[in-house]
Amino acid sequence: MTEQAEPSFEQAQAELEQIVERLEHGQAPLDEALKLWERGEELYAFCRRKLDAAEGRVEELARRAEQSRPAAAPEAEPGVG
């Protein structure tokens, strides 16, 4: 990414979708298409990093939740007691 403020995941994804659409429909001359392709690669890598980080956070939160869950009490056997 460049020196601009970092976009949100949603902004990067929307820009990437626009680039893909332009490239798929052949709406750009060759030089512009190459620049769009390069920008698309940057956006894809950015989105992938964001998704990987989010996945790691979800896994960590799930692990913490599992560790903080009280141990299940053993169930009484039916007919006993």
PDB file of N, CA and C in Angstrom:
ATOM      1  N   MET A   1       0.840  -1.148   0.000  1.00  0.00           N
ATOM      2  CA  MET A   1       0.000   0.000   0.000  1.00  0.00           C
ATOM      3  C   MET A   1       0.903   1.234   0.000  1.00  0.00           C
ATOM      4  N   THR A   2       0.352   2.347  -0.334  1.00  0.00           N
ATOM      5  CA  THR A   2       1.156   3.558  -0.426  1.00  0.00           C
ATOM      6  C   THR A   2       1.140   4.319   0.890  1.00  0.00           C
ATOM      7  N   GLU A   3       1.570   5.599   0.860  1.00  0.00           N
ATOM      8  CA  GLU A   3       1.681   6.392   2.068  1.00  0.00           C
ATOM      9  C   GLU A   3       0.323   6.850   2.608  1.00  0.00           C
ATOM     10  N   GLN A   4      -0.766   6.660   1.857  1.00  0.00           N
ATOM     11  CA  GLN A   4      -2.075   7.059   2.322  1.00  0.00           C
ATOM     12  C   GLN A   4      -2.457   6.258   3.561  1.00  0.00           C
ATOM     13  N   ALA A   5      -3.508   6.753   4.234  1.00  0.00           N
ATOM     14  CA  ALA A   5      -4.010   6.009   5.386  1.00  0.00           C
ATOM     15  C   ALA A   5      -4.459   4.626   4.916  1.00  0.00           C
ATOM     16  N   GLU A   6      -4.246   3.651   5.778  1.00  0.00           N
ATOM     17  CA  GLU A   6      -4.602   2.275   5.424  1.00  0.00           C
ATOM     18  C   GLU A   6      -6.120   2.145   5.293  1.00  0.00           C
ATOM     19  N   PRO A   7      -6.585   1.543   4.204  1.00  0.00           N
ATOM     20  CA  PRO A   7      -8.036   1.376   4.041  1.00  0.00           C
ATOM     21  C   PRO A   7      -8.557   0.280   4.971  1.00  0.00           C
ATOM     22  N   SER A   8      -9.849   0.270   5.159  1.00  0.00           N
ATOM     23  CA  SER A   8     -10.449  -0.835   5.901  1.00  0.00           C
ATOM     24  C   SER A   8     -10.464  -2.049   4.978  1.00  0.00           C
ATOM     25  N   PHE A   9     -10.712  -3.207   5.562  1.00  0.00           N
ATOM     26  CA  PHE A   9     -10.828  -4.411   4.755  1.00  0.00           C
ATOM     27  C   PHE A   9     -11.913  -4.237   3.704  1.00  0.00           C
ATOM     28  N   GLU A  10     -13.060  -3.683   4.125  1.00  0.00           N
ATOM     29  CA  GLU A  10     -14.197  -3.518   3.222  1.00  0.00           C
ATOM     30  C   GLU A  10     -13.879  -2.572   2.071  1.00  0.00           C
ATOM     31  N   GLN A  11     -13.136  -1.491   2.354  1.00  0.00           N
ATOM     32  CA  GLN A  11     -12.751  -0.558   1.298  1.00  0.00           C
ATOM     33  C   GLN A  11     -11.812  -1.231   0.307  1.00  0.00           C
ATOM     34  N   ALA A  12     -10.846  -1.968   0.819  1.00  0.00           N
ATOM     35  CA  ALA A  12      -9.895  -2.665  -0.049  1.00  0.00           C
ATOM     36  C   ALA A  12     -10.600  -3.713  -0.893  1.00  0.00           C
ATOM     37  N   GLN A  13     -11.525  -4.438  -0.287  1.00  0.00           N
ATOM     38  CA  GLN A  13     -12.265  -5.465  -1.019  1.00  0.00           C
ATOM     39  C   GLN A  13     -13.108  -4.833  -2.126  1.00  0.00           C
ATOM     40  N   ALA A  14     -13.763  -3.713  -1.827  1.00  0.00           N
ATOM     41  CA  ALA A  14     -14.597  -3.041  -2.830  1.00  0.00           C
ATOM     42  C   ALA A  14     -13.740  -2.553  -3.996  1.00  0.00           C
ATOM     43  N   GLU A  15     -12.579  -1.979  -3.690  1.00  0.00           N
ATOM     44  CA  GLU A  15     -11.687  -1.515  -4.757  1.00  0.00           C
ATOM     45  C   GLU A  15     -11.197  -2.689  -5.591  1.00  0.00           C
ATOM     46  N   LEU A  16     -10.853  -3.781  -4.931  1.00  0.00           N
ATOM     47  CA  LEU A  16     -10.394  -4.975  -5.644  1.00  0.00           C
ATOM     48  C   LEU A  16     -11.494  -5.505  -6.568  1.00  0.00           C
ATOM     49  N   GLU A  17     -12.733  -5.520  -6.088  1.00  0.00           N
ATOM     50  CA  GLU A  17     -13.848  -5.986  -6.918  1.00  0.00           C
ATOM     51  C   GLU A  17     -14.035  -5.097  -8.145  1.00  0.00           C
ATOM     52  N   GLN A  18     -13.864  -3.789  -7.983  1.00  0.00           N
ATOM     53  CA  GLN A  18     -13.975  -2.875  -9.121  1.00  0.00           C
ATOM     54  C   GLN A  18     -12.873  -3.137 -10.146  1.00  0.00           C
ATOM     55  N   ILE A  19     -11.667  -3.368  -9.649  1.00  0.00           N
ATOM     56  CA  ILE A  19     -10.543  -3.655 -10.543  1.00  0.00           C
ATOM     57  C   ILE A  19     -10.798  -4.940 -11.315  1.00  0.00           C
ATOM     58  N   VAL A  20     -11.239  -5.968 -10.630  1.00  0.00           N
ATOM     59  CA  VAL A  20     -11.515  -7.252 -11.284  1.00  0.00           C
ATOM     60  C   VAL A  20     -12.571  -7.066 -12.372  1.00  0.00           C
ATOM     61  N   GLU A  21     -13.618  -6.324 -12.054  1.00  0.00           N
ATOM     62  CA  GLU A  21     -14.678  -6.091 -13.033  1.00  0.00           C
ATOM     63  C   GLU A  21     -14.147  -5.364 -14.264  1.00  0.00           C
ATOM     64  N   ARG A  22     -13.336  -4.345 -14.048  1.00  0.00           N
ATOM     65  CA  ARG A  22     -12.767  -3.617 -15.191  1.00  0.00           C
ATOM     66  C   ARG A  22     -11.879  -4.519 -16.040  1.00  0.00           C
ATOM     67  N   LEU A  23     -11.070  -5.318 -15.380  1.00  0.00           N
ATOM     68  CA  LEU A  23     -10.176  -6.201 -16.125  1.00  0.00           C
ATOM     69  C   LEU A  23     -10.951  -7.289 -16.863  1.00  0.00           C
ATOM     70  N   GLU A  24     -11.979  -7.840 -16.222  1.00  0.00           N
ATOM     71  CA  GLU A  24     -12.774  -8.888 -16.865  1.00  0.00           C
ATOM     72  C   GLU A  24     -13.521  -8.371 -18.091  1.00  0.00           C
ATOM     73  N   HIS A  25     -13.934  -7.114 -18.048  1.00  0.00           N
ATOM     74  CA  HIS A  25     -14.688  -6.553 -19.164  1.00  0.00           C
ATOM     75  C   HIS A  25     -13.805  -5.832 -20.178  1.00  0.00           C
ATOM     76  N   GLY A  26     -12.494  -5.882 -19.986  1.00  0.00           N
ATOM     77  CA  GLY A  26     -11.579  -5.256 -20.933  1.00  0.00           C
ATOM     78  C   GLY A  26     -11.785  -3.759 -21.052  1.00  0.00           C
ATOM     79  N   GLN A  27     -12.077  -3.098 -19.944  1.00  0.00           N
ATOM     80  CA  GLN A  27     -12.403  -1.676 -19.961  1.00  0.00           C
ATOM     81  C   GLN A  27     -11.191  -0.773 -19.794  1.00  0.00           C
ATOM     82  N   ALA A  28      -9.998  -1.300 -19.895  1.00  0.00           N
ATOM     83  CA  ALA A  28      -8.807  -0.483 -19.687  1.00  0.00           C
ATOM     84  C   ALA A  28      -7.778  -0.784 -20.771  1.00  0.00           C
ATOM     85  N   PRO A  29      -7.089   0.272 -21.257  1.00  0.00           N
ATOM     86  CA  PRO A  29      -5.988   0.039 -22.188  1.00  0.00           C
ATOM     87  C   PRO A  29      -4.864  -0.741 -21.495  1.00  0.00           C
ATOM     88  N   LEU A  30      -3.974  -1.294 -22.266  1.00  0.00           N
ATOM     89  CA  LEU A  30      -2.938  -2.191 -21.756  1.00  0.00           C
ATOM     90  C   LEU A  30      -2.152  -1.607 -20.590  1.00  0.00           C
ATOM     91  N   ASP A  31      -1.621  -0.398 -20.731  1.00  0.00           N
ATOM     92  CA  ASP A  31      -0.812   0.179 -19.650  1.00  0.00           C
ATOM     93  C   ASP A  31      -1.627   0.337 -18.372  1.00  0.00           C
ATOM     94  N   GLU A  32      -2.851   0.803 -18.509  1.00  0.00           N
ATOM     95  CA  GLU A  32      -3.708   0.957 -17.336  1.00  0.00           C
ATOM     96  C   GLU A  32      -4.068  -0.410 -16.756  1.00  0.00           C
ATOM     97  N   ALA A  33      -4.296  -1.382 -17.620  1.00  0.00           N
ATOM     98  CA  ALA A  33      -4.628  -2.728 -17.156  1.00  0.00           C
ATOM     99  C   ALA A  33      -3.488  -3.315 -16.327  1.00  0.00           C
ATOM    100  N   LEU A  34      -2.254  -3.062 -16.741  1.00  0.00           N
ATOM    101  CA  LEU A  34      -1.100  -3.544 -15.977  1.00  0.00           C
ATOM    102  C   LEU A  34      -1.034  -2.881 -14.611  1.00  0.00           C
ATOM    103  N   LYS A  35      -1.296  -1.580 -14.565  1.00  0.00           N
ATOM    104  CA  LYS A  35      -1.296  -0.870 -13.281  1.00  0.00           C
ATOM    105  C   LYS A  35      -2.439  -1.375 -12.399  1.00  0.00           C
ATOM    106  N   LEU A  36      -3.593  -1.613 -12.996  1.00  0.00           N
ATOM    107  CA  LEU A  36      -4.721  -2.143 -12.245  1.00  0.00           C
ATOM    108  C   LEU A  36      -4.390  -3.528 -11.683  1.00  0.00           C
ATOM    109  N   TRP A  37      -3.741  -4.355 -12.502  1.00  0.00           N
ATOM    110  CA  TRP A  37      -3.364  -5.698 -12.065  1.00  0.00           C
ATOM    111  C   TRP A  37      -2.438  -5.613 -10.852  1.00  0.00           C
ATOM    112  N   GLU A  38      -1.430  -4.728 -10.930  1.00  0.00           N
ATOM    113  CA  GLU A  38      -0.496  -4.566  -9.820  1.00  0.00           C
ATOM    114  C   GLU A  38      -1.219  -4.083  -8.564  1.00  0.00           C
ATOM    115  N   ARG A  39      -2.114  -3.114  -8.727  1.00  0.00           N
ATOM    116  CA  ARG A  39      -2.886  -2.611  -7.589  1.00  0.00           C
ATOM    117  C   ARG A  39      -3.757  -3.743  -7.018  1.00  0.00           C
ATOM    118  N   GLY A  40      -4.327  -4.543  -7.905  1.00  0.00           N
ATOM    119  CA  GLY A  40      -5.134  -5.668  -7.467  1.00  0.00           C
ATOM    120  C   GLY A  40      -4.332  -6.653  -6.636  1.00  0.00           C
ATOM    121  N   GLU A  41      -3.100  -6.908  -7.044  1.00  0.00           N
ATOM    122  CA  GLU A  41      -2.241  -7.811  -6.268  1.00  0.00           C
ATOM    123  C   GLU A  41      -1.965  -7.242  -4.880  1.00  0.00           C
ATOM    124  N   GLU A  42      -1.718  -5.922  -4.807  1.00  0.00           N
ATOM    125  CA  GLU A  42      -1.490  -5.272  -3.513  1.00  0.00           C
ATOM    126  C   GLU A  42      -2.727  -5.408  -2.620  1.00  0.00           C
ATOM    127  N   LEU A  43      -3.885  -5.139  -3.207  1.00  0.00           N
ATOM    128  CA  LEU A  43      -5.127  -5.201  -2.441  1.00  0.00           C
ATOM    129  C   LEU A  43      -5.423  -6.626  -1.991  1.00  0.00           C
ATOM    130  N   TYR A  44      -5.167  -7.592  -2.863  1.00  0.00           N
ATOM    131  CA  TYR A  44      -5.383  -8.990  -2.501  1.00  0.00           C
ATOM    132  C   TYR A  44      -4.494  -9.375  -1.317  1.00  0.00           C
ATOM    133  N   ALA A  45      -3.216  -8.997  -1.377  1.00  0.00           N
ATOM    134  CA  ALA A  45      -2.292  -9.324  -0.291  1.00  0.00           C
ATOM    135  C   ALA A  45      -2.732  -8.642   1.007  1.00  0.00           C
ATOM    136  N   PHE A  46      -3.175  -7.399   0.909  1.00  0.00           N
ATOM    137  CA  PHE A  46      -3.659  -6.661   2.076  1.00  0.00           C
ATOM    138  C   PHE A  46      -4.865  -7.379   2.693  1.00  0.00           C
ATOM    139  N   CYS A  47      -5.834  -7.730   1.855  1.00  0.00           N
ATOM    140  CA  CYS A  47      -7.040  -8.414   2.332  1.00  0.00           C
ATOM    141  C   CYS A  47      -6.693  -9.771   2.941  1.00  0.00           C
ATOM    142  N   ARG A  48      -5.783 -10.483   2.320  1.00  0.00           N
ATOM    143  CA  ARG A  48      -5.369 -11.791   2.832  1.00  0.00           C
ATOM    144  C   ARG A  48      -4.748 -11.648   4.217  1.00  0.00           C
ATOM    145  N   ARG A  49      -3.890 -10.626   4.397  1.00  0.00           N
ATOM    146  CA  ARG A  49      -3.274 -10.396   5.713  1.00  0.00           C
ATOM    147  C   ARG A  49      -4.343 -10.075   6.760  1.00  0.00           C
ATOM    148  N   LYS A  50      -5.306  -9.239   6.384  1.00  0.00           N
ATOM    149  CA  LYS A  50      -6.382  -8.879   7.314  1.00  0.00           C
ATOM    150  C   LYS A  50      -7.195 -10.120   7.698  1.00  0.00           C
ATOM    151  N   LEU A  51      -7.519 -10.949   6.721  1.00  0.00           N
ATOM    152  CA  LEU A  51      -8.289 -12.161   7.002  1.00  0.00           C
ATOM    153  C   LEU A  51      -7.504 -13.136   7.874  1.00  0.00           C
ATOM    154  N   ASP A  52      -6.220 -13.287   7.582  1.00  0.00           N
ATOM    155  CA  ASP A  52      -5.379 -14.176   8.387  1.00  0.00           C
ATOM    156  C   ASP A  52      -5.302 -13.686   9.830  1.00  0.00           C
ATOM    157  N   ALA A  53      -5.162 -12.362  10.007  1.00  0.00           N
ATOM    158  CA  ALA A  53      -5.099 -11.791  11.350  1.00  0.00           C
ATOM    159  C   ALA A  53      -6.426 -11.997  12.076  1.00  0.00           C
ATOM    160  N   ALA A  54      -7.525 -11.785  11.371  1.00  0.00           N
ATOM    161  CA  ALA A  54      -8.840 -11.980  11.984  1.00  0.00           C
ATOM    162  C   ALA A  54      -9.042 -13.434  12.378  1.00  0.00           C
ATOM    163  N   GLU A  55      -8.610 -14.350  11.535  1.00  0.00           N
ATOM    164  CA  GLU A  55      -8.735 -15.770  11.843  1.00  0.00           C
ATOM    165  C   GLU A  55      -7.934 -16.116  13.097  1.00  0.00           C
ATOM    166  N   GLY A  56      -6.737 -15.558  13.200  1.00  0.00           N
ATOM    167  CA  GLY A  56      -5.908 -15.800  14.385  1.00  0.00           C
ATOM    168  C   GLY A  56      -6.572 -15.271  15.644  1.00  0.00           C
ATOM    169  N   ARG A  57      -7.179 -14.096  15.546  1.00  0.00           N
ATOM    170  CA  ARG A  57      -7.868 -13.525  16.712  1.00  0.00           C
ATOM    171  C   ARG A  57      -9.061 -14.382  17.119  1.00  0.00           C
ATOM    172  N   VAL A  58      -9.830 -14.849  16.133  1.00  0.00           N
ATOM    173  CA  VAL A  58     -10.991 -15.692  16.439  1.00  0.00           C
ATOM    174  C   VAL A  58     -10.529 -16.985  17.114  1.00  0.00           C
ATOM    175  N   GLU A  59      -9.470 -17.581  16.597  1.00  0.00           N
ATOM    176  CA  GLU A  59      -8.951 -18.810  17.208  1.00  0.00           C
ATOM    177  C   GLU A  59      -8.491 -18.558  18.641  1.00  0.00           C
ATOM    178  N   GLU A  60      -7.826 -17.421  18.871  1.00  0.00           N
ATOM    179  CA  GLU A  60      -7.373 -17.082  20.223  1.00  0.00           C
ATOM    180  C   GLU A  60      -8.564 -16.869  21.148  1.00  0.00           C
ATOM    181  N   LEU A  61      -9.582 -16.154  20.692  1.00  0.00           N
ATOM    182  CA  LEU A  61     -10.767 -15.928  21.514  1.00  0.00           C
ATOM    183  C   LEU A  61     -11.488 -17.235  21.820  1.00  0.00           C
ATOM    184  N   ALA A  62     -11.567 -18.122  20.850  1.00  0.00           N
ATOM    185  CA  ALA A  62     -12.211 -19.415  21.063  1.00  0.00           C
ATOM    186  C   ALA A  62     -11.418 -20.237  22.079  1.00  0.00           C
ATOM    187  N   ARG A  63     -10.109 -20.167  21.987  1.00  0.00           N
ATOM    188  CA  ARG A  63      -9.251 -20.896  22.935  1.00  0.00           C
ATOM    189  C   ARG A  63      -9.453 -20.358  24.350  1.00  0.00           C
ATOM    190  N   ARG A  64      -9.492 -19.025  24.485  1.00  0.00           N
ATOM    191  CA  ARG A  64      -9.713 -18.419  25.802  1.00  0.00           C
ATOM    192  C   ARG A  64     -11.075 -18.806  26.358  1.00  0.00           C
ATOM    193  N   ALA A  65     -12.085 -18.771  25.514  1.00  0.00           N
ATOM    194  CA  ALA A  65     -13.436 -19.128  25.957  1.00  0.00           C
ATOM    195  C   ALA A  65     -13.466 -20.573  26.431  1.00  0.00           C
ATOM    196  N   GLU A  66     -12.792 -21.443  25.721  1.00  0.00           N
ATOM    197  CA  GLU A  66     -12.757 -22.864  26.088  1.00  0.00           C
ATOM    198  C   GLU A  66     -12.039 -23.045  27.422  1.00  0.00           C
ATOM    199  N   GLN A  67     -10.955 -22.304  27.631  1.00  0.00           N
ATOM    200  CA  GLN A  67     -10.191 -22.427  28.876  1.00  0.00           C
ATOM    201  C   GLN A  67     -10.949 -21.856  30.071  1.00  0.00           C
ATOM    202  N   SER A  68     -11.773 -20.839  29.841  1.00  0.00           N
ATOM    203  CA  SER A  68     -12.485 -20.222  30.959  1.00  0.00           C
ATOM    204  C   SER A  68     -13.803 -20.921  31.269  1.00  0.00           C
ATOM    205  N   ARG A  69     -14.208 -21.846  30.437  1.00  0.00           N
ATOM    206  CA  ARG A  69     -15.447 -22.592  30.668  1.00  0.00           C
ATOM    207  C   ARG A  69     -15.240 -23.535  31.846  1.00  0.00           C
ATOM    208  N   PRO A  70     -16.175 -23.515  32.810  1.00  0.00           N
ATOM    209  CA  PRO A  70     -16.024 -24.439  33.947  1.00  0.00           C
ATOM    210  C   PRO A  70     -16.145 -25.891  33.469  1.00  0.00           C
ATOM    211  N   ALA A  71     -15.437 -26.737  34.157  1.00  0.00           N
ATOM    212  CA  ALA A  71     -15.485 -28.161  33.799  1.00  0.00           C
ATOM    213  C   ALA A  71     -16.897 -28.680  34.048  1.00  0.00           C
ATOM    214  N   ALA A  72     -17.378 -29.499  33.161  1.00  0.00           N
ATOM    215  CA  ALA A  72     -18.724 -30.057  33.285  1.00  0.00           C
ATOM    216  C   ALA A  72     -18.757 -31.042  34.436  1.00  0.00           C
ATOM    217  N   ALA A  73     -19.775 -30.940  35.262  1.00  0.00           N
ATOM    218  CA  ALA A  73     -19.938 -31.881  36.367  1.00  0.00           C
ATOM    219  C   ALA A  73     -20.378 -33.217  35.810  1.00  0.00           C
ATOM    220  N   PRO A  74     -19.842 -34.309  36.339  1.00  0.00           N
ATOM    221  CA  PRO A  74     -20.270 -35.618  35.839  1.00  0.00           C
ATOM    222  C   PRO A  74     -21.754 -35.820  36.142  1.00  0.00           C
ATOM    223  N   GLU A  75     -22.449 -36.356  35.172  1.00  0.00           N
ATOM    224  CA  GLU A  75     -23.884 -36.588  35.338  1.00  0.00           C
ATOM    225  C   GLU A  75     -24.110 -37.825  36.205  1.00  0.00           C
ATOM    226  N   ALA A  76     -25.167 -37.760  37.046  1.00  0.00           N
ATOM    227  CA  ALA A  76     -25.501 -38.918  37.885  1.00  0.00           C
ATOM    228  C   ALA A  76     -26.048 -40.013  36.991  1.00  0.00           C
ATOM    229  N   GLU A  77     -25.741 -41.243  37.353  1.00  0.00           N
ATOM    230  CA  GLU A  77     -26.237 -42.364  36.567  1.00  0.00           C
ATOM    231  C   GLU A  77     -27.727 -42.534  36.836  1.00  0.00           C
ATOM    232  N   PRO A  78     -28.508 -42.795  35.812  1.00  0.00           N
ATOM    233  CA  PRO A  78     -29.931 -42.982  36.026  1.00  0.00           C
ATOM    234  C   PRO A  78     -30.189 -44.199  36.907  1.00  0.00           C
ATOM    235  N   GLY A  79     -31.163 -44.055  37.799  1.00  0.00           N
ATOM    236  CA  GLY A  79     -31.548 -45.164  38.662  1.00  0.00           C
ATOM    237  C   GLY A  79     -30.677 -45.287  39.894  1.00  0.00           C
ATOM    238  N   VAL A  80     -29.674 -44.446  40.051  1.00  0.00           N
ATOM    239  CA  VAL A  80     -28.795 -44.499  41.221  1.00  0.00           C
ATOM    240  C   VAL A  80     -29.195 -43.354  42.136  1.00  0.00           C
ATOM    241  N   GLY A  81     -29.371 -43.635  43.419  1.00  0.00           N
ATOM    242  CA  GLY A  81     -29.557 -42.586  44.387  1.00  0.00           C
ATOM    243  C   GLY A  81     -30.876 -42.489  44.919  1.00  0.00           C
TER     244      GLY A  81
END
